N, C-alpha and C. Protein backbone atom coordinates (compact mmCIF):
# COMPACT_ATOMS: atom_id res chain seq x y z
N MET A 1 3.03 -253.93 11.46
CA MET A 1 3.78 -254.75 10.34
C MET A 1 4.71 -254.50 9.58
N SER A 2 5.81 -254.98 9.40
CA SER A 2 7.09 -255.09 9.12
C SER A 2 6.37 -254.24 7.24
N ARG A 3 8.10 -253.43 6.60
CA ARG A 3 8.17 -253.03 5.44
C ARG A 3 8.63 -254.47 4.80
N ILE A 4 7.68 -254.30 3.71
CA ILE A 4 7.81 -256.05 2.45
C ILE A 4 8.23 -255.38 1.20
N GLY A 5 9.49 -256.06 0.79
CA GLY A 5 10.03 -255.79 -0.61
C GLY A 5 9.69 -256.43 -1.84
N PHE A 6 9.30 -255.79 -3.10
CA PHE A 6 9.07 -256.58 -3.92
C PHE A 6 10.04 -255.95 -5.31
N LEU A 7 10.39 -257.48 -5.76
CA LEU A 7 10.95 -256.94 -7.28
C LEU A 7 10.48 -257.22 -8.45
N HIS A 8 10.03 -256.35 -9.19
CA HIS A 8 9.02 -257.03 -10.51
C HIS A 8 10.28 -256.31 -11.68
N THR A 9 9.24 -257.18 -12.68
CA THR A 9 9.89 -257.09 -13.87
C THR A 9 8.98 -256.54 -14.74
N SER A 10 7.92 -255.98 -14.54
CA SER A 10 6.61 -255.63 -15.15
C SER A 10 5.88 -254.42 -14.24
N PRO A 11 5.35 -253.36 -14.50
CA PRO A 11 4.53 -252.83 -13.83
C PRO A 11 3.43 -253.12 -13.36
N VAL A 12 2.85 -253.94 -14.37
CA VAL A 12 1.58 -254.74 -13.92
C VAL A 12 1.21 -254.96 -12.31
N HIS A 13 2.43 -255.72 -11.71
CA HIS A 13 2.25 -256.17 -10.33
C HIS A 13 2.10 -255.52 -9.30
N VAL A 14 2.20 -254.19 -9.54
CA VAL A 14 2.59 -253.32 -8.28
C VAL A 14 0.79 -253.45 -8.13
N LEU A 15 -0.16 -253.20 -8.74
CA LEU A 15 -1.40 -252.89 -8.61
C LEU A 15 -1.62 -254.44 -7.99
N THR A 16 -1.51 -255.45 -8.37
CA THR A 16 -1.67 -256.93 -7.99
C THR A 16 -1.70 -256.86 -6.45
N PHE A 17 -0.45 -256.52 -6.16
CA PHE A 17 0.22 -256.95 -4.93
C PHE A 17 -0.13 -256.31 -4.04
N ASP A 18 -0.37 -254.42 -4.33
CA ASP A 18 -0.94 -253.91 -3.62
C ASP A 18 -2.41 -254.32 -2.85
N ASN A 19 -3.06 -254.69 -3.98
CA ASN A 19 -4.53 -254.86 -3.68
C ASN A 19 -4.66 -256.13 -2.69
N LEU A 20 -3.49 -257.34 -3.09
CA LEU A 20 -3.66 -258.39 -2.11
C LEU A 20 -3.59 -258.22 -0.95
N LEU A 21 -2.35 -257.26 -0.74
CA LEU A 21 -1.70 -256.76 0.45
C LEU A 21 -3.27 -256.38 1.46
N SER A 22 -3.63 -255.13 0.62
CA SER A 22 -4.85 -254.39 1.11
C SER A 22 -5.95 -255.06 1.79
N GLU A 23 -6.16 -256.48 1.27
CA GLU A 23 -7.10 -257.87 1.82
C GLU A 23 -6.27 -258.42 2.73
N VAL A 24 -5.42 -259.06 2.45
CA VAL A 24 -4.59 -260.06 3.46
C VAL A 24 -4.00 -260.17 4.39
N ALA A 25 -3.11 -258.61 4.43
CA ALA A 25 -2.38 -258.25 5.36
C ALA A 25 -2.53 -256.22 5.24
N PRO A 26 -3.24 -256.11 5.64
CA PRO A 26 -3.64 -254.10 5.24
C PRO A 26 -2.27 -253.42 6.03
N GLU A 27 -2.10 -254.07 7.21
CA GLU A 27 -0.92 -253.28 7.96
C GLU A 27 0.54 -253.55 7.09
N ALA A 28 0.31 -254.31 6.49
CA ALA A 28 1.74 -253.82 5.62
C ALA A 28 2.25 -253.05 4.82
N HIS A 29 3.76 -252.61 4.53
CA HIS A 29 4.18 -251.43 3.81
C HIS A 29 4.69 -252.00 3.21
N PRO A 30 4.47 -252.29 1.66
CA PRO A 30 5.27 -252.60 0.63
C PRO A 30 6.17 -251.14 0.14
N VAL A 31 7.26 -251.84 -0.42
CA VAL A 31 8.05 -251.16 -1.14
C VAL A 31 8.67 -252.04 -2.47
N HIS A 32 8.22 -251.05 -3.98
CA HIS A 32 8.16 -252.09 -5.16
C HIS A 32 9.43 -251.61 -5.30
N VAL A 33 9.98 -252.05 -6.52
CA VAL A 33 11.22 -251.92 -7.74
C VAL A 33 11.30 -253.22 -8.54
N VAL A 34 10.99 -252.11 -9.94
CA VAL A 34 10.50 -252.49 -11.09
C VAL A 34 11.70 -252.34 -11.97
N ASP A 35 12.05 -253.10 -12.81
CA ASP A 35 13.15 -253.07 -13.86
C ASP A 35 12.76 -254.17 -14.96
N GLU A 36 12.16 -253.76 -15.84
CA GLU A 36 11.71 -254.83 -16.92
C GLU A 36 13.11 -254.89 -17.95
N SER A 37 14.32 -254.42 -17.35
CA SER A 37 15.28 -255.10 -18.46
C SER A 37 15.84 -256.53 -17.93
N LEU A 38 15.58 -256.24 -16.55
CA LEU A 38 15.92 -257.56 -16.42
C LEU A 38 15.67 -259.04 -16.69
N LEU A 39 14.37 -258.63 -17.26
CA LEU A 39 13.38 -259.96 -17.84
C LEU A 39 13.83 -260.01 -19.30
N THR A 40 13.88 -258.90 -20.08
CA THR A 40 14.63 -258.47 -21.26
C THR A 40 15.72 -259.32 -21.55
N ASP A 41 16.83 -259.02 -20.78
CA ASP A 41 18.00 -259.49 -20.74
C ASP A 41 18.24 -260.97 -20.42
N ALA A 42 17.41 -261.73 -19.66
CA ALA A 42 17.32 -262.93 -18.95
C ALA A 42 16.74 -264.15 -20.05
N ARG A 43 15.96 -263.12 -20.78
CA ARG A 43 15.72 -263.99 -21.97
C ARG A 43 16.52 -264.14 -22.78
N ALA A 44 17.48 -262.97 -23.32
CA ALA A 44 18.20 -263.04 -24.16
C ALA A 44 19.52 -263.64 -23.76
N ASN A 45 19.82 -263.42 -22.60
CA ASN A 45 21.84 -264.14 -21.89
C ASN A 45 21.28 -265.28 -21.05
N GLY A 46 19.98 -265.97 -20.60
CA GLY A 46 19.96 -266.44 -19.48
C GLY A 46 19.96 -265.63 -18.20
N PRO A 47 19.39 -266.44 -17.09
CA PRO A 47 19.18 -265.55 -15.73
C PRO A 47 20.40 -265.46 -15.06
N GLN A 48 21.27 -266.01 -15.23
CA GLN A 48 22.20 -266.13 -14.57
C GLN A 48 23.15 -264.68 -15.02
N SER A 49 22.87 -264.09 -16.23
CA SER A 49 23.88 -262.58 -17.09
C SER A 49 23.26 -261.87 -16.22
N VAL A 50 22.14 -261.97 -15.34
CA VAL A 50 21.51 -260.66 -14.64
C VAL A 50 21.43 -260.64 -13.34
N ALA A 51 22.55 -261.92 -12.62
CA ALA A 51 22.79 -262.21 -11.21
C ALA A 51 22.97 -260.95 -10.45
N ASP A 52 24.04 -260.03 -11.07
CA ASP A 52 24.55 -259.11 -10.48
C ASP A 52 23.60 -258.17 -10.24
N ARG A 53 23.02 -257.73 -11.09
CA ARG A 53 22.25 -256.52 -11.12
C ARG A 53 20.70 -257.23 -10.55
N VAL A 54 20.53 -258.38 -10.09
CA VAL A 54 19.22 -258.89 -9.31
C VAL A 54 19.27 -257.99 -8.26
N GLU A 55 20.75 -258.48 -7.74
CA GLU A 55 21.23 -258.50 -6.25
C GLU A 55 21.50 -257.35 -5.93
N ALA A 56 21.65 -256.06 -6.88
CA ALA A 56 21.99 -254.82 -7.02
C ALA A 56 20.66 -253.99 -6.15
N GLN A 57 19.61 -254.59 -7.19
CA GLN A 57 18.50 -254.21 -7.06
C GLN A 57 17.56 -254.89 -5.57
N LEU A 58 17.78 -255.79 -5.19
CA LEU A 58 17.66 -256.64 -3.90
C LEU A 58 18.33 -255.70 -2.69
N ARG A 59 19.43 -255.29 -2.99
CA ARG A 59 19.77 -254.49 -1.65
C ARG A 59 18.96 -253.11 -2.14
N SER A 60 19.07 -252.61 -3.01
CA SER A 60 18.63 -251.57 -2.96
C SER A 60 17.23 -251.16 -1.98
N LEU A 61 16.42 -252.69 -2.09
CA LEU A 61 15.11 -252.98 -1.32
C LEU A 61 15.73 -252.53 -0.10
N LYS A 62 16.80 -253.64 0.40
CA LYS A 62 16.81 -253.62 1.57
C LYS A 62 17.21 -252.28 2.15
N ASP A 63 18.20 -251.49 2.02
CA ASP A 63 18.32 -249.76 2.03
C ASP A 63 17.17 -249.17 2.07
N ARG A 64 16.40 -249.73 2.03
CA ARG A 64 14.87 -248.85 2.00
C ARG A 64 14.14 -249.42 3.08
N GLY A 65 14.62 -249.90 4.27
CA GLY A 65 14.33 -250.63 5.09
C GLY A 65 13.38 -251.72 5.02
N VAL A 66 13.09 -252.52 3.70
CA VAL A 66 12.14 -253.67 3.87
C VAL A 66 12.81 -255.16 5.07
N GLU A 67 12.12 -255.54 5.16
CA GLU A 67 12.78 -256.84 6.19
C GLU A 67 12.29 -258.26 5.65
N LEU A 68 11.55 -258.55 4.47
CA LEU A 68 11.63 -259.75 3.69
C LEU A 68 11.18 -259.04 2.06
N ILE A 69 11.86 -260.06 1.16
CA ILE A 69 11.53 -258.85 -0.36
C ILE A 69 11.18 -260.45 -1.05
N CYS A 70 10.19 -260.24 -1.72
CA CYS A 70 9.47 -261.26 -3.14
C CYS A 70 9.80 -260.61 -4.02
N CYS A 71 10.61 -261.61 -4.89
CA CYS A 71 10.74 -261.85 -6.33
C CYS A 71 9.57 -262.05 -7.08
N THR A 72 9.22 -261.32 -7.83
CA THR A 72 7.54 -261.73 -8.71
C THR A 72 7.70 -262.60 -9.86
N CYS A 73 9.05 -262.12 -10.50
CA CYS A 73 9.72 -262.92 -11.97
C CYS A 73 10.01 -264.20 -11.60
N SER A 74 9.11 -265.42 -12.26
CA SER A 74 9.26 -266.47 -12.14
C SER A 74 10.66 -266.92 -13.19
N THR A 75 11.08 -266.26 -13.84
CA THR A 75 12.20 -266.43 -14.45
C THR A 75 13.65 -266.17 -13.80
N LEU A 76 13.38 -265.07 -12.89
CA LEU A 76 14.23 -264.71 -11.95
C LEU A 76 14.61 -265.48 -10.52
N GLY A 77 13.11 -266.37 -10.63
CA GLY A 77 12.99 -266.26 -9.05
C GLY A 77 14.61 -267.04 -8.48
N SER A 78 15.06 -268.14 -8.79
CA SER A 78 16.06 -268.96 -8.56
C SER A 78 17.58 -268.04 -8.07
N VAL A 79 17.90 -267.16 -9.33
CA VAL A 79 18.59 -265.95 -8.96
C VAL A 79 18.12 -265.06 -7.45
N ALA A 80 17.37 -264.84 -7.91
CA ALA A 80 17.19 -264.02 -6.69
C ALA A 80 16.85 -264.59 -5.29
N GLU A 81 16.63 -266.08 -5.23
CA GLU A 81 16.74 -266.39 -3.60
C GLU A 81 18.07 -266.76 -3.85
N GLN A 82 19.17 -266.94 -4.36
CA GLN A 82 20.58 -267.31 -4.41
C GLN A 82 21.61 -266.36 -3.94
N SER A 83 20.79 -264.90 -4.32
CA SER A 83 21.33 -263.75 -3.99
C SER A 83 21.59 -263.44 -2.08
N GLU A 84 22.29 -262.41 -1.90
CA GLU A 84 22.42 -262.65 -0.70
C GLU A 84 22.51 -261.15 -0.11
N PRO A 85 21.33 -260.20 -0.20
CA PRO A 85 21.01 -258.88 0.07
C PRO A 85 20.98 -258.33 1.31
N GLY A 86 21.05 -259.56 2.65
CA GLY A 86 21.02 -258.66 3.94
C GLY A 86 19.80 -259.13 4.63
N VAL A 87 18.32 -259.56 3.58
CA VAL A 87 17.45 -259.99 4.31
C VAL A 87 17.02 -261.07 3.74
N PRO A 88 16.16 -261.73 3.93
CA PRO A 88 15.42 -262.98 3.30
C PRO A 88 14.69 -262.68 2.15
N VAL A 89 14.97 -263.44 1.19
CA VAL A 89 14.24 -263.12 -0.30
C VAL A 89 13.67 -264.47 -0.82
N PHE A 90 12.49 -264.58 -1.39
CA PHE A 90 11.84 -265.77 -1.76
C PHE A 90 11.40 -265.46 -2.99
N ARG A 91 11.28 -266.61 -3.65
CA ARG A 91 10.26 -266.36 -5.60
C ARG A 91 8.79 -266.20 -5.24
N VAL A 92 8.15 -265.11 -5.97
CA VAL A 92 6.75 -265.77 -5.52
C VAL A 92 5.86 -267.08 -6.04
N ASP A 93 6.82 -267.67 -6.54
CA ASP A 93 5.92 -269.18 -7.27
C ASP A 93 6.20 -270.37 -6.05
N ARG A 94 7.08 -270.38 -5.20
CA ARG A 94 7.01 -271.23 -3.92
C ARG A 94 6.21 -271.72 -3.55
N PRO A 95 5.46 -270.78 -2.74
CA PRO A 95 4.30 -271.12 -1.76
C PRO A 95 3.43 -271.74 -3.24
N MET A 96 3.19 -271.12 -3.85
CA MET A 96 2.03 -271.72 -5.33
C MET A 96 2.64 -273.34 -5.55
N ALA A 97 3.74 -273.60 -5.38
CA ALA A 97 4.25 -275.17 -6.05
C ALA A 97 4.14 -275.98 -4.83
N ALA A 98 4.22 -275.33 -3.76
CA ALA A 98 3.87 -276.47 -2.63
C ALA A 98 2.53 -276.41 -2.30
N ARG A 99 1.70 -275.81 -2.53
CA ARG A 99 0.11 -276.10 -2.43
C ARG A 99 -0.15 -277.39 -3.83
N ALA A 100 0.33 -276.77 -5.04
CA ALA A 100 0.14 -277.70 -5.96
C ALA A 100 0.14 -278.95 -5.60
N LEU A 101 1.53 -279.33 -5.02
CA LEU A 101 2.19 -280.52 -4.59
C LEU A 101 0.86 -281.38 -4.03
N GLN A 102 0.51 -280.44 -2.93
CA GLN A 102 -0.33 -280.96 -1.92
C GLN A 102 -1.84 -281.67 -2.57
N ALA A 103 -1.77 -280.81 -3.86
CA ALA A 103 -2.86 -281.22 -4.99
C ALA A 103 -3.67 -282.24 -5.34
N GLY A 104 -1.92 -282.75 -6.13
CA GLY A 104 -1.94 -284.08 -6.94
C GLY A 104 -0.58 -283.82 -7.48
N ARG A 105 -0.01 -285.14 -7.90
CA ARG A 105 1.34 -285.79 -8.26
C ARG A 105 1.55 -284.92 -9.89
N ARG A 106 0.08 -285.08 -11.06
CA ARG A 106 0.39 -284.85 -12.44
C ARG A 106 -0.38 -283.13 -12.51
N ILE A 107 1.07 -282.36 -12.57
CA ILE A 107 0.79 -281.04 -12.81
C ILE A 107 0.72 -280.53 -13.90
N ALA A 108 0.09 -279.63 -14.80
CA ALA A 108 0.34 -278.98 -16.28
C ALA A 108 0.97 -277.70 -15.42
N VAL A 109 2.06 -277.34 -16.21
CA VAL A 109 2.55 -275.91 -15.62
C VAL A 109 2.61 -275.07 -16.84
N ILE A 110 1.30 -273.67 -17.05
CA ILE A 110 1.61 -273.47 -18.11
C ILE A 110 2.06 -272.12 -18.00
N ALA A 111 2.69 -271.36 -18.83
CA ALA A 111 3.44 -270.09 -19.03
C ALA A 111 3.28 -269.66 -20.56
N ALA A 112 3.60 -268.22 -20.43
CA ALA A 112 3.61 -267.78 -21.57
C ALA A 112 4.85 -267.36 -21.94
N LEU A 113 5.95 -267.61 -21.36
CA LEU A 113 7.54 -267.56 -21.95
C LEU A 113 8.02 -268.54 -21.48
N ASP A 114 8.87 -269.04 -22.69
CA ASP A 114 9.52 -270.39 -22.69
C ASP A 114 10.27 -269.94 -21.46
N SER A 115 11.20 -268.86 -21.29
CA SER A 115 12.34 -268.74 -20.32
C SER A 115 11.36 -268.83 -18.93
N THR A 116 10.62 -268.91 -18.89
CA THR A 116 9.92 -269.00 -17.42
C THR A 116 9.61 -270.88 -16.95
N LEU A 117 9.42 -271.75 -17.92
CA LEU A 117 9.60 -273.15 -18.29
C LEU A 117 10.53 -273.71 -16.93
N ALA A 118 11.81 -273.62 -17.32
CA ALA A 118 13.03 -274.53 -16.80
C ALA A 118 12.89 -273.91 -15.49
N PRO A 119 12.81 -272.56 -14.92
CA PRO A 119 12.87 -272.29 -13.44
C PRO A 119 11.61 -272.92 -12.71
N THR A 120 10.38 -272.96 -13.35
CA THR A 120 9.44 -273.22 -12.60
C THR A 120 9.54 -274.84 -12.40
N LEU A 121 9.84 -275.79 -13.21
CA LEU A 121 10.02 -277.32 -13.35
C LEU A 121 10.97 -277.42 -12.29
N ALA A 122 11.95 -276.67 -12.43
CA ALA A 122 13.14 -277.26 -11.40
C ALA A 122 12.85 -276.81 -10.45
N LEU A 123 11.72 -276.15 -9.77
CA LEU A 123 11.41 -275.45 -8.44
C LEU A 123 10.04 -276.40 -7.75
N LEU A 124 9.65 -277.13 -8.83
CA LEU A 124 8.46 -278.35 -8.48
C LEU A 124 9.31 -279.75 -8.33
N GLU A 125 10.15 -279.44 -8.92
CA GLU A 125 11.21 -280.84 -8.58
C GLU A 125 11.48 -280.87 -7.02
N GLU A 126 12.26 -279.62 -7.39
CA GLU A 126 13.33 -278.93 -5.47
C GLU A 126 11.85 -279.32 -4.44
N GLU A 127 10.50 -278.67 -4.53
CA GLU A 127 9.65 -279.03 -3.71
C GLU A 127 9.47 -280.21 -3.22
N ALA A 128 8.85 -281.24 -5.02
CA ALA A 128 8.70 -282.56 -4.16
C ALA A 128 9.57 -283.34 -3.92
N SER A 129 11.07 -282.95 -3.98
CA SER A 129 12.55 -283.40 -3.39
C SER A 129 12.02 -283.42 -1.80
N ALA A 130 12.06 -282.56 -1.37
CA ALA A 130 12.04 -281.56 -0.09
C ALA A 130 10.87 -282.11 0.48
N ALA A 131 9.79 -282.61 -0.24
CA ALA A 131 7.97 -283.34 0.49
C ALA A 131 8.06 -284.71 0.56
N ASP A 132 9.37 -285.02 0.01
CA ASP A 132 9.31 -286.78 -0.33
C ASP A 132 7.62 -287.14 -1.23
N HIS A 133 7.40 -286.23 -1.99
CA HIS A 133 6.46 -286.47 -3.07
C HIS A 133 6.75 -286.78 -4.55
N GLU A 134 5.97 -287.56 -5.30
CA GLU A 134 6.38 -287.65 -6.93
C GLU A 134 5.57 -286.64 -7.09
N VAL A 135 6.16 -286.59 -8.44
CA VAL A 135 5.88 -285.29 -9.19
C VAL A 135 5.58 -285.51 -10.62
N GLU A 136 4.91 -285.21 -11.40
CA GLU A 136 5.07 -285.64 -13.21
C GLU A 136 4.43 -284.19 -13.42
N THR A 137 5.36 -283.32 -14.58
CA THR A 137 4.84 -282.23 -14.81
C THR A 137 4.85 -282.27 -16.39
N THR A 138 3.74 -281.36 -17.03
CA THR A 138 3.84 -280.99 -18.47
C THR A 138 3.58 -280.08 -18.68
N PRO A 139 4.74 -279.22 -18.91
CA PRO A 139 5.57 -278.19 -19.41
C PRO A 139 4.52 -277.45 -20.73
N ILE A 140 3.26 -276.39 -20.73
CA ILE A 140 2.46 -275.94 -21.67
C ILE A 140 3.28 -274.36 -22.28
N VAL A 141 3.36 -273.92 -23.11
CA VAL A 141 3.55 -272.79 -23.64
C VAL A 141 2.20 -272.24 -24.29
N ALA A 142 1.09 -270.85 -23.45
CA ALA A 142 0.31 -270.40 -24.61
C ALA A 142 0.90 -269.96 -25.37
N LYS A 143 0.72 -270.15 -26.70
CA LYS A 143 1.19 -269.68 -27.80
C LYS A 143 0.61 -268.06 -28.14
N GLY A 144 1.38 -267.23 -28.26
CA GLY A 144 0.78 -266.06 -28.63
C GLY A 144 0.33 -265.04 -27.65
N ALA A 145 0.26 -265.75 -25.77
CA ALA A 145 0.01 -264.62 -25.00
C ALA A 145 0.79 -263.88 -24.77
N TRP A 146 2.24 -263.98 -25.04
CA TRP A 146 3.29 -263.37 -24.58
C TRP A 146 2.87 -261.77 -25.16
N ASP A 147 2.74 -261.90 -26.73
CA ASP A 147 3.09 -261.06 -27.61
C ASP A 147 1.43 -260.00 -27.07
N MET A 148 0.57 -260.76 -27.11
CA MET A 148 -0.63 -259.92 -26.56
C MET A 148 -0.03 -259.04 -25.23
N PHE A 149 0.75 -259.55 -24.39
CA PHE A 149 0.54 -258.77 -22.72
C PHE A 149 1.70 -257.51 -22.98
N GLU A 150 2.55 -257.76 -23.86
CA GLU A 150 3.82 -256.93 -24.47
C GLU A 150 2.57 -255.90 -25.12
N ALA A 151 2.09 -256.05 -25.78
CA ALA A 151 1.11 -255.16 -26.98
C ALA A 151 -0.08 -254.49 -25.67
N GLY A 152 0.03 -254.61 -24.47
CA GLY A 152 -0.99 -254.16 -23.58
C GLY A 152 -2.47 -254.81 -23.66
N ASP A 153 -2.54 -255.77 -24.27
CA ASP A 153 -3.80 -256.54 -24.57
C ASP A 153 -3.91 -257.61 -23.22
N GLN A 154 -4.77 -256.60 -22.20
CA GLN A 154 -4.71 -258.00 -21.17
C GLN A 154 -5.68 -258.57 -21.37
N VAL A 155 -6.44 -258.50 -21.65
CA VAL A 155 -7.95 -259.23 -21.86
C VAL A 155 -7.59 -260.22 -22.78
N GLY A 156 -6.94 -260.20 -23.77
CA GLY A 156 -6.65 -261.13 -24.61
C GLY A 156 -5.67 -262.00 -24.12
N TYR A 157 -4.71 -261.54 -23.29
CA TYR A 157 -3.54 -262.36 -22.96
C TYR A 157 -4.08 -263.43 -21.93
N VAL A 158 -4.83 -262.74 -20.89
CA VAL A 158 -5.66 -263.36 -19.74
C VAL A 158 -6.54 -264.94 -19.99
N GLU A 159 -7.27 -264.20 -21.68
CA GLU A 159 -8.12 -265.24 -22.28
C GLU A 159 -7.45 -266.30 -22.79
N CYS A 160 -6.30 -266.23 -24.02
CA CYS A 160 -5.28 -267.08 -24.08
C CYS A 160 -4.69 -267.93 -23.21
N VAL A 161 -4.16 -267.75 -22.08
CA VAL A 161 -3.95 -268.28 -20.81
C VAL A 161 -4.97 -269.22 -20.45
N ALA A 162 -5.91 -268.65 -20.17
CA ALA A 162 -7.27 -269.61 -19.43
C ALA A 162 -8.00 -270.74 -20.48
N ARG A 163 -7.71 -270.41 -21.81
CA ARG A 163 -7.97 -271.47 -23.17
C ARG A 163 -6.98 -272.80 -22.66
N THR A 164 -5.70 -271.89 -22.91
CA THR A 164 -4.68 -273.09 -22.78
C THR A 164 -4.72 -273.91 -21.45
N ALA A 165 -5.21 -273.41 -20.38
CA ALA A 165 -4.97 -274.26 -18.82
C ALA A 165 -6.38 -275.10 -18.99
N ARG A 166 -7.63 -274.40 -19.78
CA ARG A 166 -8.73 -275.12 -19.90
C ARG A 166 -8.80 -276.50 -20.46
N ALA A 167 -7.51 -276.50 -21.64
CA ALA A 167 -7.12 -277.54 -22.65
C ALA A 167 -6.18 -279.05 -22.21
N ALA A 168 -5.78 -278.21 -20.96
CA ALA A 168 -4.67 -279.16 -20.11
C ALA A 168 -5.39 -279.76 -18.92
N ALA A 169 -6.29 -278.82 -18.64
CA ALA A 169 -6.83 -279.64 -17.51
C ALA A 169 -7.34 -281.04 -17.36
N PRO A 170 -8.02 -281.32 -18.37
CA PRO A 170 -8.25 -282.80 -18.13
C PRO A 170 -7.77 -284.13 -18.09
N THR A 171 -6.22 -283.81 -18.49
CA THR A 171 -5.39 -284.83 -17.97
C THR A 171 -4.21 -284.55 -17.19
N ALA A 172 -4.71 -283.62 -16.15
CA ALA A 172 -3.94 -283.08 -15.06
C ALA A 172 -4.57 -283.16 -13.27
N ASP A 173 -3.82 -283.30 -12.43
CA ASP A 173 -4.08 -283.31 -11.28
C ASP A 173 -4.66 -281.76 -10.77
N VAL A 174 -3.85 -281.23 -11.31
CA VAL A 174 -3.65 -279.73 -10.67
C VAL A 174 -3.22 -278.85 -12.11
N VAL A 175 -3.31 -277.70 -12.20
CA VAL A 175 -3.14 -276.50 -13.33
C VAL A 175 -2.33 -275.78 -12.43
N ILE A 176 -0.80 -275.07 -12.90
CA ILE A 176 -0.59 -274.09 -12.08
C ILE A 176 -0.20 -273.02 -13.31
N LEU A 177 -0.55 -271.89 -13.33
CA LEU A 177 -0.25 -270.95 -13.99
C LEU A 177 1.20 -270.10 -13.33
N ALA A 178 1.74 -270.19 -14.59
CA ALA A 178 3.69 -269.93 -13.85
C ALA A 178 4.14 -268.46 -13.86
N GLN A 179 3.37 -267.75 -14.07
CA GLN A 179 3.89 -266.39 -14.14
C GLN A 179 2.52 -265.65 -13.50
N ALA A 180 3.09 -264.43 -12.62
CA ALA A 180 2.34 -264.26 -11.64
C ALA A 180 1.27 -263.06 -12.39
N SER A 181 1.74 -262.72 -13.65
CA SER A 181 0.49 -261.63 -14.28
C SER A 181 -0.32 -262.92 -15.14
N MET A 182 -0.39 -264.28 -15.05
CA MET A 182 -1.43 -264.62 -15.29
C MET A 182 -2.31 -264.95 -14.47
N ALA A 183 -2.70 -264.45 -13.52
CA ALA A 183 -3.32 -264.67 -11.92
C ALA A 183 -5.02 -264.48 -12.50
N PRO A 184 -5.10 -263.28 -13.28
CA PRO A 184 -6.65 -262.46 -13.24
C PRO A 184 -7.34 -264.20 -14.30
N ALA A 185 -6.73 -265.22 -15.03
CA ALA A 185 -7.22 -266.28 -15.47
C ALA A 185 -7.64 -267.15 -14.66
N GLU A 186 -7.26 -267.03 -13.55
CA GLU A 186 -7.54 -267.98 -12.47
C GLU A 186 -8.89 -267.82 -12.25
N ALA A 187 -9.79 -267.02 -12.42
CA ALA A 187 -11.38 -266.64 -12.34
C ALA A 187 -12.15 -266.63 -13.28
N LEU A 188 -11.36 -266.95 -14.60
CA LEU A 188 -12.15 -267.58 -15.20
C LEU A 188 -12.16 -269.49 -16.11
N LEU A 189 -11.41 -269.87 -14.61
CA LEU A 189 -11.55 -271.41 -14.51
C LEU A 189 -12.14 -272.31 -13.31
N THR A 190 -12.83 -270.85 -12.56
CA THR A 190 -13.53 -271.73 -11.60
C THR A 190 -14.42 -273.15 -11.70
N ASP A 191 -15.04 -273.01 -13.04
CA ASP A 191 -15.78 -274.00 -13.11
C ASP A 191 -15.08 -275.46 -13.28
N LEU A 192 -13.60 -275.54 -13.62
CA LEU A 192 -13.01 -276.90 -13.68
C LEU A 192 -13.06 -277.65 -12.59
N PRO A 193 -13.32 -278.78 -12.48
CA PRO A 193 -13.07 -279.78 -11.72
C PRO A 193 -11.44 -280.18 -11.00
N THR A 194 -10.28 -279.42 -12.16
CA THR A 194 -9.38 -279.61 -11.55
C THR A 194 -8.55 -278.48 -10.82
N PRO A 195 -8.19 -278.22 -9.98
CA PRO A 195 -7.76 -277.09 -9.21
C PRO A 195 -6.87 -275.99 -10.23
N VAL A 196 -6.60 -274.89 -10.23
CA VAL A 196 -5.95 -274.12 -10.75
C VAL A 196 -5.42 -273.18 -9.53
N PHE A 197 -3.88 -272.93 -10.11
CA PHE A 197 -3.26 -272.05 -8.79
C PHE A 197 -2.51 -270.88 -9.42
N SER A 198 -2.82 -269.56 -9.13
CA SER A 198 -1.80 -268.81 -9.38
C SER A 198 -0.98 -267.96 -8.40
N SER A 199 0.49 -267.39 -8.40
CA SER A 199 1.48 -267.38 -7.52
C SER A 199 1.12 -266.25 -6.25
N PRO A 200 0.22 -265.35 -7.00
CA PRO A 200 0.35 -263.64 -6.11
C PRO A 200 -0.06 -263.81 -4.79
N ARG A 201 -1.41 -264.99 -4.82
CA ARG A 201 -2.19 -264.77 -3.34
C ARG A 201 -2.09 -265.67 -2.38
N PRO A 202 -0.88 -267.06 -2.91
CA PRO A 202 0.25 -267.88 -1.96
C PRO A 202 1.24 -267.03 -1.39
N ALA A 203 1.37 -266.27 -2.38
CA ALA A 203 2.89 -265.90 -1.88
C ALA A 203 2.22 -264.46 -0.78
N VAL A 204 1.66 -263.71 -0.61
CA VAL A 204 0.91 -263.08 -0.30
C VAL A 204 0.86 -263.35 1.01
N GLU A 205 -0.09 -264.71 1.21
CA GLU A 205 -0.53 -264.42 2.57
C GLU A 205 0.81 -266.02 3.46
N TYR A 206 1.87 -266.41 2.26
CA TYR A 206 2.95 -266.20 3.24
C TYR A 206 3.90 -265.58 3.30
N LEU A 207 3.42 -263.91 3.05
CA LEU A 207 4.36 -262.95 3.53
C LEU A 207 3.56 -262.48 4.74
N ALA A 208 2.25 -262.89 4.73
CA ALA A 208 1.70 -262.62 6.21
C ALA A 208 1.64 -263.08 7.34
N ALA A 209 2.17 -264.77 6.79
CA ALA A 209 2.37 -265.39 8.13
C ALA A 209 3.57 -265.47 8.66
N ARG A 210 4.61 -264.66 7.83
CA ARG A 210 6.01 -264.29 7.81
C ARG A 210 5.91 -263.35 9.35
N GLN A 211 4.74 -262.56 9.36
CA GLN A 211 4.86 -261.06 10.33
C GLN A 211 4.60 -261.16 11.40
């Protein structure tokens, strides 16, 4: 199994993806880079403002021998995919977006950060166009959730995301949790008749299929 690179903007993602890889692709060799400043600066000045630094981090992963890279930050996903580090790069939410479009036309997009919404909505439109599907998106920010995340209140963060998703579900065909850090909220929503998708597992399954 090849070495797989991950570019993160929060250290919480390292364990998430290591655990999923051990389950889905136990022979994979993950290599992680965490750079929290990328998201901080992208929120302040826009994702393109950090494009050169994103590419530099991706190249550093390539230099460490990885053959495929996943950018786990939704805000920076498009910037990462536009980079040319010398190995294939994909954004963590692309496999999730494809699955969501197969599940229904009306998609509620839950985010904790405003900066995540525009890139995620653009991704859904891109995937819908490629698949010749109609899509109707409803962007929703889980108010107060990111403050909890930054304060280290993971339980409060996940519960806030889950409440927001639950409220959106009745008028949607499918709900997506736009940020990888939201994945634990999926377990709190299994009773809903509306399917709920988060990005880490589809991304790891995509990685496993590419090996």
